[in-house]
């Protein structure tokens, strides 16, 4: 059976590749890049250990995932991005930092998650500043919709955290509506709306430019609740206060004093 086709949330543009980025895609890809075959990804084998695991979708030039990988050697990071110049730039950064806890896929994230990633693979998933497709006729191209939110929830481990951010208010409201209606996700906001930017996320160049122009930024965060049944009132209240799964995952993922990668 052929995989179901979907509307792509991106358009591949011929971005300018520097000679260094071109070399990185050739010389560093064997160390950091993942080529997809017929079988699902075995991430423990790929990273050579069992560790907390974070996925970033659409990492751009790698400012966030690069910084996180450098500062959290106890976490394994997988980045998925379709634009080759950004991939090349992240490979260069990873090599300079000797980041052994980072791998990269240059493919459509929807297809990767749907076809190649087992369920419950990640402790945290990051989707920061996806294309807002602001024209109404293009809204169907937005990455965050009901089907993709459910797919993201399936790939999170129980108690794992989904974090999103956008500087486009209408898209933020759509994300909020979609995620609040996703059965396996519980908002980490006290009022099921937006949350503060997490301290561990460095503002990107794109975000800083938007701030200078007076653009707002809306962050969202959700914890995965048990499959097959709604959270109990106590679980839901704790999750929404940020004191249940969120703190457990954040303590494990972003805490101090973790061991270095030994794989």
C-alpha atoms as a PDB file:
ATOM      1  CA  UNK A   1       0.000   0.000   0.000  1.00  0.00           C
ATOM      2  CA  UNK A   2       1.371   3.422  -0.937  1.00  0.00           C
ATOM      3  CA  UNK A   3       1.755   5.927   1.947  1.00  0.00           C
ATOM      4  CA  UNK A   4      -0.982   8.551   2.058  1.00  0.00           C
ATOM      5  CA  UNK A   5       0.089  11.801   0.420  1.00  0.00           C
ATOM      6  CA  UNK A   6      -0.245  15.029   2.338  1.00  0.00           C
ATOM      7  CA  UNK A   7      -0.101  18.742   1.622  1.00  0.00           C
ATOM      8  CA  UNK A   8       3.446  19.891   2.269  1.00  0.00           C
ATOM      9  CA  UNK A   9       3.969  22.680   4.790  1.00  0.00           C
ATOM     10  CA  UNK A  10       7.047  23.983   2.994  1.00  0.00           C
ATOM     11  CA  UNK A  11       8.311  25.061  -0.405  1.00  0.00           C
ATOM     12  CA  UNK A  12      11.882  24.144  -1.264  1.00  0.00           C
ATOM     13  CA  UNK A  13      13.657  27.272  -2.430  1.00  0.00           C
ATOM     14  CA  UNK A  14      17.136  27.397  -3.925  1.00  0.00           C
ATOM     15  CA  UNK A  15      18.819  28.999  -0.945  1.00  0.00           C
ATOM     16  CA  UNK A  16      22.412  30.114  -1.223  1.00  0.00           C
ATOM     17  CA  UNK A  17      24.863  27.427  -0.136  1.00  0.00           C
ATOM     18  CA  UNK A  18      28.292  28.516   1.009  1.00  0.00           C
ATOM     19  CA  UNK A  19      31.282  26.366   0.021  1.00  0.00           C
ATOM     20  CA  UNK A  20      31.678  25.386   3.675  1.00  0.00           C
ATOM     21  CA  UNK A  21      28.059  24.233   3.873  1.00  0.00           C
ATOM     22  CA  UNK A  22      28.465  22.250   0.659  1.00  0.00           C
ATOM     23  CA  UNK A  23      31.545  20.536   2.076  1.00  0.00           C
ATOM     24  CA  UNK A  24      29.726  19.851   5.346  1.00  0.00           C
ATOM     25  CA  UNK A  25      26.894  18.085   3.542  1.00  0.00           C
ATOM     26  CA  UNK A  26      29.434  15.862   1.834  1.00  0.00           C
ATOM     27  CA  UNK A  27      32.104  15.369   4.490  1.00  0.00           C
ATOM     28  CA  UNK A  28      30.136  15.571   7.757  1.00  0.00           C
ATOM     29  CA  UNK A  29      26.915  13.891   6.708  1.00  0.00           C
ATOM     30  CA  UNK A  30      28.291  10.382   7.407  1.00  0.00           C
ATOM     31  CA  UNK A  31      28.924  11.416  11.021  1.00  0.00           C
ATOM     32  CA  UNK A  32      25.711  13.336  11.729  1.00  0.00           C
ATOM     33  CA  UNK A  33      23.218  12.653   8.946  1.00  0.00           C
ATOM     34  CA  UNK A  34      20.666   9.865   8.797  1.00  0.00           C
ATOM     35  CA  UNK A  35      19.631   8.341   5.477  1.00  0.00           C
ATOM     36  CA  UNK A  36      16.275   6.629   5.723  1.00  0.00           C
ATOM     37  CA  UNK A  37      15.867   3.051   4.575  1.00  0.00           C
ATOM     38  CA  UNK A  38      12.947   0.674   4.581  1.00  0.00           C
ATOM     39  CA  UNK A  39      12.983  -0.030   8.327  1.00  0.00           C
ATOM     40  CA  UNK A  40      11.899   2.235  11.204  1.00  0.00           C
ATOM     41  CA  UNK A  41      14.648   4.179  12.942  1.00  0.00           C
ATOM     42  CA  UNK A  42      16.300   2.428  15.885  1.00  0.00           C
ATOM     43  CA  UNK A  43      17.336   5.535  17.779  1.00  0.00           C
ATOM     44  CA  UNK A  44      19.055   3.711  20.638  1.00  0.00           C
ATOM     45  CA  UNK A  45      21.324   1.986  18.138  1.00  0.00           C
ATOM     46  CA  UNK A  46      21.894   5.205  16.210  1.00  0.00           C
ATOM     47  CA  UNK A  47      22.994   7.125  19.306  1.00  0.00           C
ATOM     48  CA  UNK A  48      24.649   4.122  20.929  1.00  0.00           C
ATOM     49  CA  UNK A  49      22.934   4.485  24.286  1.00  0.00           C
ATOM     50  CA  UNK A  50      19.632   4.861  26.110  1.00  0.00           C
ATOM     51  CA  UNK A  51      19.176   8.501  27.109  1.00  0.00           C
ATOM     52  CA  UNK A  52      16.546  11.264  27.234  1.00  0.00           C
ATOM     53  CA  UNK A  53      15.715  12.208  23.670  1.00  0.00           C
ATOM     54  CA  UNK A  54      14.530  15.456  22.074  1.00  0.00           C
ATOM     55  CA  UNK A  55      13.291  16.124  18.534  1.00  0.00           C
ATOM     56  CA  UNK A  56      13.288  19.529  16.859  1.00  0.00           C
ATOM     57  CA  UNK A  57      11.195  19.895  13.710  1.00  0.00           C
ATOM     58  CA  UNK A  58      12.182  22.627  11.277  1.00  0.00           C
ATOM     59  CA  UNK A  59      15.348  23.761  13.036  1.00  0.00           C
ATOM     60  CA  UNK A  60      16.238  26.429  10.449  1.00  0.00           C
ATOM     61  CA  UNK A  61      19.955  27.113  10.800  1.00  0.00           C
ATOM     62  CA  UNK A  62      20.175  25.107  14.018  1.00  0.00           C
ATOM     63  CA  UNK A  63      20.469  27.891  16.581  1.00  0.00           C
ATOM     64  CA  UNK A  64      18.248  26.163  19.154  1.00  0.00           C
ATOM     65  CA  UNK A  65      19.138  22.511  18.664  1.00  0.00           C
ATOM     66  CA  UNK A  66      22.826  23.331  18.252  1.00  0.00           C
ATOM     67  CA  UNK A  67      22.913  25.225  21.529  1.00  0.00           C
ATOM     68  CA  UNK A  68      20.922  22.557  23.345  1.00  0.00           C
ATOM     69  CA  UNK A  69      23.129  19.728  22.090  1.00  0.00           C
ATOM     70  CA  UNK A  70      26.279  21.555  23.153  1.00  0.00           C
ATOM     71  CA  UNK A  71      24.963  22.351  26.626  1.00  0.00           C
ATOM     72  CA  UNK A  72      23.200  19.072  27.390  1.00  0.00           C
ATOM     73  CA  UNK A  73      25.492  16.162  26.518  1.00  0.00           C
ATOM     74  CA  UNK A  74      23.255  13.809  28.536  1.00  0.00           C
ATOM     75  CA  UNK A  75      20.417  14.295  25.993  1.00  0.00           C
ATOM     76  CA  UNK A  76      20.234  12.892  22.470  1.00  0.00           C
ATOM     77  CA  UNK A  77      18.926  15.345  19.860  1.00  0.00           C
ATOM     78  CA  UNK A  78      17.379  14.603  16.490  1.00  0.00           C
ATOM     79  CA  UNK A  79      16.746  17.499  14.108  1.00  0.00           C
ATOM     80  CA  UNK A  80      14.583  17.364  10.987  1.00  0.00           C
ATOM     81  CA  UNK A  81      14.896  20.120   8.370  1.00  0.00           C
ATOM     82  CA  UNK A  82      14.287  20.243   4.620  1.00  0.00           C
ATOM     83  CA  UNK A  83      16.419  23.275   3.714  1.00  0.00           C
ATOM     84  CA  UNK A  84      19.943  22.177   2.908  1.00  0.00           C
ATOM     85  CA  UNK A  85      21.814  25.420   3.736  1.00  0.00           C
ATOM     86  CA  UNK A  86      20.499  25.272   7.301  1.00  0.00           C
ATOM     87  CA  UNK A  87      21.413  21.607   7.550  1.00  0.00           C
ATOM     88  CA  UNK A  88      24.928  22.369   6.360  1.00  0.00           C
ATOM     89  CA  UNK A  89      25.295  25.141   8.897  1.00  0.00           C
ATOM     90  CA  UNK A  90      24.206  22.893  11.764  1.00  0.00           C
ATOM     91  CA  UNK A  91      26.626  20.168  10.649  1.00  0.00           C
ATOM     92  CA  UNK A  92      29.476  22.669  10.799  1.00  0.00           C
ATOM     93  CA  UNK A  93      28.474  23.756  14.285  1.00  0.00           C
ATOM     94  CA  UNK A  94      28.150  20.165  15.475  1.00  0.00           C
ATOM     95  CA  UNK A  95      31.593  19.257  14.166  1.00  0.00           C
ATOM     96  CA  UNK A  96      33.187  22.336  15.724  1.00  0.00           C
ATOM     97  CA  UNK A  97      31.657  21.426  19.109  1.00  0.00           C
ATOM     98  CA  UNK A  98      32.305  17.686  18.648  1.00  0.00           C
ATOM     99  CA  UNK A  99      28.641  17.125  19.503  1.00  0.00           C
ATOM    100  CA  UNK A 100      28.268  13.356  19.622  1.00  0.00           C
ATOM    101  CA  UNK A 101      24.641  13.582  20.787  1.00  0.00           C
ATOM    102  CA  UNK A 102      23.174  15.114  17.605  1.00  0.00           C
ATOM    103  CA  UNK A 103      21.789  13.567  14.420  1.00  0.00           C
ATOM    104  CA  UNK A 104      20.060  15.205  11.460  1.00  0.00           C
ATOM    105  CA  UNK A 105      17.497  14.166   8.868  1.00  0.00           C
ATOM    106  CA  UNK A 106      16.946  16.238   5.727  1.00  0.00           C
ATOM    107  CA  UNK A 107      13.405  15.169   4.840  1.00  0.00           C
ATOM    108  CA  UNK A 108       9.745  16.127   5.299  1.00  0.00           C
ATOM    109  CA  UNK A 109       9.029  15.801   9.035  1.00  0.00           C
ATOM    110  CA  UNK A 110       5.478  14.550   8.484  1.00  0.00           C
ATOM    111  CA  UNK A 111       6.715  11.621   6.414  1.00  0.00           C
ATOM    112  CA  UNK A 112       9.592  10.906   8.803  1.00  0.00           C
ATOM    113  CA  UNK A 113       7.335  10.743  11.859  1.00  0.00           C
ATOM    114  CA  UNK A 114       4.551   8.892  10.105  1.00  0.00           C
ATOM    115  CA  UNK A 115       6.667   6.244   8.410  1.00  0.00           C
ATOM    116  CA  UNK A 116      10.020   5.917  10.204  1.00  0.00           C
ATOM    117  CA  UNK A 117       9.763   6.859  13.888  1.00  0.00           C
ATOM    118  CA  UNK A 118       8.269   4.394  16.401  1.00  0.00           C
ATOM    119  CA  UNK A 119       5.681   5.686  18.832  1.00  0.00           C
ATOM    120  CA  UNK A 120       6.854   6.912  22.240  1.00  0.00           C
ATOM    121  CA  UNK A 121      10.335   7.753  20.972  1.00  0.00           C
ATOM    122  CA  UNK A 122      10.829  11.231  22.477  1.00  0.00           C
ATOM    123  CA  UNK A 123      10.772  12.940  25.848  1.00  0.00           C
ATOM    124  CA  UNK A 124      10.373  16.327  24.218  1.00  0.00           C
ATOM    125  CA  UNK A 125       9.393  17.663  20.795  1.00  0.00           C
ATOM    126  CA  UNK A 126      10.113  21.245  19.709  1.00  0.00           C
ATOM    127  CA  UNK A 127       8.333  23.045  16.871  1.00  0.00           C
ATOM    128  CA  UNK A 128       9.502  26.647  16.897  1.00  0.00           C
ATOM    129  CA  UNK A 129       8.352  29.218  14.324  1.00  0.00           C
ATOM    130  CA  UNK A 130       6.907  27.014  11.587  1.00  0.00           C
ATOM    131  CA  UNK A 131       5.871  28.868   8.444  1.00  0.00           C
ATOM    132  CA  UNK A 132       2.592  30.682   9.313  1.00  0.00           C
ATOM    133  CA  UNK A 133       1.294  30.648   5.733  1.00  0.00           C
ATOM    134  CA  UNK A 134      -0.557  33.848   6.524  1.00  0.00           C
ATOM    135  CA  UNK A 135      -2.702  34.055   3.375  1.00  0.00           C
ATOM    136  CA  UNK A 136      -6.075  32.392   3.915  1.00  0.00           C
ATOM    137  CA  UNK A 137      -5.813  30.256   0.793  1.00  0.00           C
ATOM    138  CA  UNK A 138      -2.551  28.824   2.151  1.00  0.00           C
ATOM    139  CA  UNK A 139      -3.809  27.929   5.652  1.00  0.00           C
ATOM    140  CA  UNK A 140      -4.153  24.317   4.527  1.00  0.00           C
ATOM    141  CA  UNK A 141      -0.335  24.225   4.327  1.00  0.00           C
ATOM    142  CA  UNK A 142       0.181  25.008   8.008  1.00  0.00           C
ATOM    143  CA  UNK A 143       2.109  22.269   9.747  1.00  0.00           C
ATOM    144  CA  UNK A 144       0.126  22.229  12.982  1.00  0.00           C
ATOM    145  CA  UNK A 145      -3.285  20.736  12.357  1.00  0.00           C
ATOM    146  CA  UNK A 146      -5.346  18.102  14.149  1.00  0.00           C
ATOM    147  CA  UNK A 147      -3.753  15.151  12.366  1.00  0.00           C
ATOM    148  CA  UNK A 148      -0.183  16.327  12.977  1.00  0.00           C
ATOM    149  CA  UNK A 149      -0.853  17.194  16.631  1.00  0.00           C
ATOM    150  CA  UNK A 150      -2.144  13.655  17.160  1.00  0.00           C
ATOM    151  CA  UNK A 151       0.950  12.291  15.390  1.00  0.00           C
ATOM    152  CA  UNK A 152       3.243  14.352  17.627  1.00  0.00           C
ATOM    153  CA  UNK A 153       1.433  13.096  20.724  1.00  0.00           C
ATOM    154  CA  UNK A 154       1.892   9.505  19.557  1.00  0.00           C
ATOM    155  CA  UNK A 155       5.661  10.001  19.250  1.00  0.00           C
ATOM    156  CA  UNK A 156       5.995  11.380  22.798  1.00  0.00           C
ATOM    157  CA  UNK A 157       6.600   9.123  25.738  1.00  0.00           C
ATOM    158  CA  UNK A 158       4.102   9.311  28.580  1.00  0.00           C
ATOM    159  CA  UNK A 159       4.742  12.565  30.416  1.00  0.00           C
ATOM    160  CA  UNK A 160       6.776  13.940  27.508  1.00  0.00           C
ATOM    161  CA  UNK A 161       6.436  17.580  26.523  1.00  0.00           C
ATOM    162  CA  UNK A 162       5.495  19.251  23.254  1.00  0.00           C
ATOM    163  CA  UNK A 163       6.646  22.859  22.893  1.00  0.00           C
ATOM    164  CA  UNK A 164       5.615  25.224  20.122  1.00  0.00           C
ATOM    165  CA  UNK A 165       6.224  28.892  19.356  1.00  0.00           C
ATOM    166  CA  UNK A 166       5.130  31.356  16.692  1.00  0.00           C
ATOM    167  CA  UNK A 167       5.215  35.097  16.118  1.00  0.00           C
ATOM    168  CA  UNK A 168       1.964  35.039  14.130  1.00  0.00           C
ATOM    169  CA  UNK A 169      -1.011  35.553  16.455  1.00  0.00           C
ATOM    170  CA  UNK A 170      -3.637  33.915  14.239  1.00  0.00           C
ATOM    171  CA  UNK A 171      -1.458  30.825  13.927  1.00  0.00           C
ATOM    172  CA  UNK A 172      -0.869  30.817  17.688  1.00  0.00           C
ATOM    173  CA  UNK A 173      -4.620  30.760  18.222  1.00  0.00           C
ATOM    174  CA  UNK A 174      -4.978  27.903  15.733  1.00  0.00           C
ATOM    175  CA  UNK A 175      -2.197  25.940  17.479  1.00  0.00           C
ATOM    176  CA  UNK A 176      -3.925  26.531  20.797  1.00  0.00           C
ATOM    177  CA  UNK A 177      -7.286  25.319  19.542  1.00  0.00           C
ATOM    178  CA  UNK A 178      -5.828  22.248  17.833  1.00  0.00           C
ATOM    179  CA  UNK A 179      -3.643  21.153  20.738  1.00  0.00           C
ATOM    180  CA  UNK A 180      -6.307  21.779  23.373  1.00  0.00           C
ATOM    181  CA  UNK A 181      -8.577  19.422  21.438  1.00  0.00           C
ATOM    182  CA  UNK A 182      -5.933  16.689  21.110  1.00  0.00           C
ATOM    183  CA  UNK A 183      -6.957  13.944  23.539  1.00  0.00           C
ATOM    184  CA  UNK A 184      -3.453  12.884  24.581  1.00  0.00           C
ATOM    185  CA  UNK A 185      -2.202  16.410  25.279  1.00  0.00           C
ATOM    186  CA  UNK A 186      -2.759  18.444  28.449  1.00  0.00           C
ATOM    187  CA  UNK A 187      -1.864  22.129  28.455  1.00  0.00           C
ATOM    188  CA  UNK A 188       0.876  23.214  30.847  1.00  0.00           C
ATOM    189  CA  UNK A 189      -0.649  26.684  31.077  1.00  0.00           C
ATOM    190  CA  UNK A 190      -2.696  27.401  34.203  1.00  0.00           C
ATOM    191  CA  UNK A 191      -5.529  28.660  31.985  1.00  0.00           C
ATOM    192  CA  UNK A 192      -4.891  26.379  28.972  1.00  0.00           C
ATOM    193  CA  UNK A 193      -3.550  29.266  26.890  1.00  0.00           C
ATOM    194  CA  UNK A 194       0.070  30.354  26.471  1.00  0.00           C
ATOM    195  CA  UNK A 195       3.216  29.935  28.568  1.00  0.00           C
ATOM    196  CA  UNK A 196       6.422  31.887  29.082  1.00  0.00           C
ATOM    197  CA  UNK A 197       9.383  31.193  26.813  1.00  0.00           C
ATOM    198  CA  UNK A 198      11.369  28.383  28.450  1.00  0.00           C
ATOM    199  CA  UNK A 199      14.687  29.586  29.825  1.00  0.00           C
ATOM    200  CA  UNK A 200      16.633  26.899  27.981  1.00  0.00           C
ATOM    201  CA  UNK A 201      15.487  28.099  24.547  1.00  0.00           C
ATOM    202  CA  UNK A 202      17.893  30.729  23.142  1.00  0.00           C
ATOM    203  CA  UNK A 203      16.104  33.411  21.114  1.00  0.00           C
ATOM    204  CA  UNK A 204      16.823  32.830  17.432  1.00  0.00           C
ATOM    205  CA  UNK A 205      18.048  35.488  15.044  1.00  0.00           C
ATOM    206  CA  UNK A 206      14.596  35.385  13.459  1.00  0.00           C
ATOM    207  CA  UNK A 207      12.960  35.917  16.856  1.00  0.00           C
ATOM    208  CA  UNK A 208      15.276  38.793  17.796  1.00  0.00           C
ATOM    209  CA  UNK A 209      14.562  40.526  14.505  1.00  0.00           C
ATOM    210  CA  UNK A 210      10.839  40.174  15.122  1.00  0.00           C
ATOM    211  CA  UNK A 211      11.193  41.647  18.598  1.00  0.00           C
ATOM    212  CA  UNK A 212      12.954  44.709  17.162  1.00  0.00           C
ATOM    213  CA  UNK A 213       9.996  45.137  14.807  1.00  0.00           C
ATOM    214  CA  UNK A 214       7.538  44.879  17.664  1.00  0.00           C
ATOM    215  CA  UNK A 215       6.266  41.378  16.864  1.00  0.00           C
ATOM    216  CA  UNK A 216       4.837  39.315  19.680  1.00  0.00           C
ATOM    217  CA  UNK A 217       5.845  35.707  20.340  1.00  0.00           C
ATOM    218  CA  UNK A 218       3.454  33.075  21.639  1.00  0.00           C
ATOM    219  CA  UNK A 219       4.768  29.921  23.332  1.00  0.00           C
ATOM    220  CA  UNK A 220       2.689  26.815  24.013  1.00  0.00           C
ATOM    221  CA  UNK A 221       3.521  23.709  26.039  1.00  0.00           C
ATOM    222  CA  UNK A 222       1.696  20.409  26.485  1.00  0.00           C
ATOM    223  CA  UNK A 223       2.344  17.200  28.400  1.00  0.00           C
ATOM    224  CA  UNK A 224       1.343  13.815  27.069  1.00  0.00           C
ATOM    225  CA  UNK A 225      -1.247  12.149  29.261  1.00  0.00           C
ATOM    226  CA  UNK A 226      -2.003   8.400  29.376  1.00  0.00           C
ATOM    227  CA  UNK A 227      -3.364   6.964  26.158  1.00  0.00           C
ATOM    228  CA  UNK A 228      -6.822   5.465  26.117  1.00  0.00           C
ATOM    229  CA  UNK A 229      -8.279   7.512  28.969  1.00  0.00           C
ATOM    230  CA  UNK A 230      -8.542  11.175  29.939  1.00  0.00           C
ATOM    231  CA  UNK A 231      -6.384  12.410  32.764  1.00  0.00           C
ATOM    232  CA  UNK A 232      -7.895  12.307  36.222  1.00  0.00           C
ATOM    233  CA  UNK A 233      -8.844  15.712  37.665  1.00  0.00           C
ATOM    234  CA  UNK A 234      -5.712  15.623  39.832  1.00  0.00           C
ATOM    235  CA  UNK A 235      -3.456  14.714  36.881  1.00  0.00           C
ATOM    236  CA  UNK A 236      -4.981  17.390  34.681  1.00  0.00           C
ATOM    237  CA  UNK A 237      -4.659  20.057  37.363  1.00  0.00           C
ATOM    238  CA  UNK A 238      -1.044  19.112  38.050  1.00  0.00           C
ATOM    239  CA  UNK A 239      -0.166  19.028  34.368  1.00  0.00           C
ATOM    240  CA  UNK A 240      -1.738  22.406  33.743  1.00  0.00           C
ATOM    241  CA  UNK A 241       0.156  23.877  36.676  1.00  0.00           C
ATOM    242  CA  UNK A 242       3.407  22.631  35.140  1.00  0.00           C
ATOM    243  CA  UNK A 243       4.159  20.557  38.244  1.00  0.00           C
ATOM    244  CA  UNK A 244       3.597  17.063  36.859  1.00  0.00           C
ATOM    245  CA  UNK A 245       5.196  15.722  33.719  1.00  0.00           C
ATOM    246  CA  UNK A 246       6.668  19.031  32.656  1.00  0.00           C
ATOM    247  CA  UNK A 247       8.953  19.443  35.624  1.00  0.00           C
ATOM    248  CA  UNK A 248       9.921  15.777  35.609  1.00  0.00           C
ATOM    249  CA  UNK A 249      10.942  15.959  31.967  1.00  0.00           C
ATOM    250  CA  UNK A 250      12.593  19.358  32.294  1.00  0.00           C
ATOM    251  CA  UNK A 251      14.580  18.216  35.341  1.00  0.00           C
ATOM    252  CA  UNK A 252      15.809  15.176  33.451  1.00  0.00           C
ATOM    253  CA  UNK A 253      16.389  16.943  30.149  1.00  0.00           C
ATOM    254  CA  UNK A 254      17.764  20.289  31.240  1.00  0.00           C
ATOM    255  CA  UNK A 255      19.036  19.700  34.756  1.00  0.00           C
ATOM    256  CA  UNK A 256      22.567  20.142  35.990  1.00  0.00           C
ATOM    257  CA  UNK A 257      25.242  17.586  36.551  1.00  0.00           C
ATOM    258  CA  UNK A 258      24.352  14.968  33.947  1.00  0.00           C
ATOM    259  CA  UNK A 259      26.917  12.560  32.593  1.00  0.00           C
ATOM    260  CA  UNK A 260      28.582  13.145  29.255  1.00  0.00           C
ATOM    261  CA  UNK A 261      27.898  11.056  26.176  1.00  0.00           C
ATOM    262  CA  UNK A 262      29.961   7.908  26.441  1.00  0.00           C
ATOM    263  CA  UNK A 263      28.695   6.103  23.378  1.00  0.00           C
END
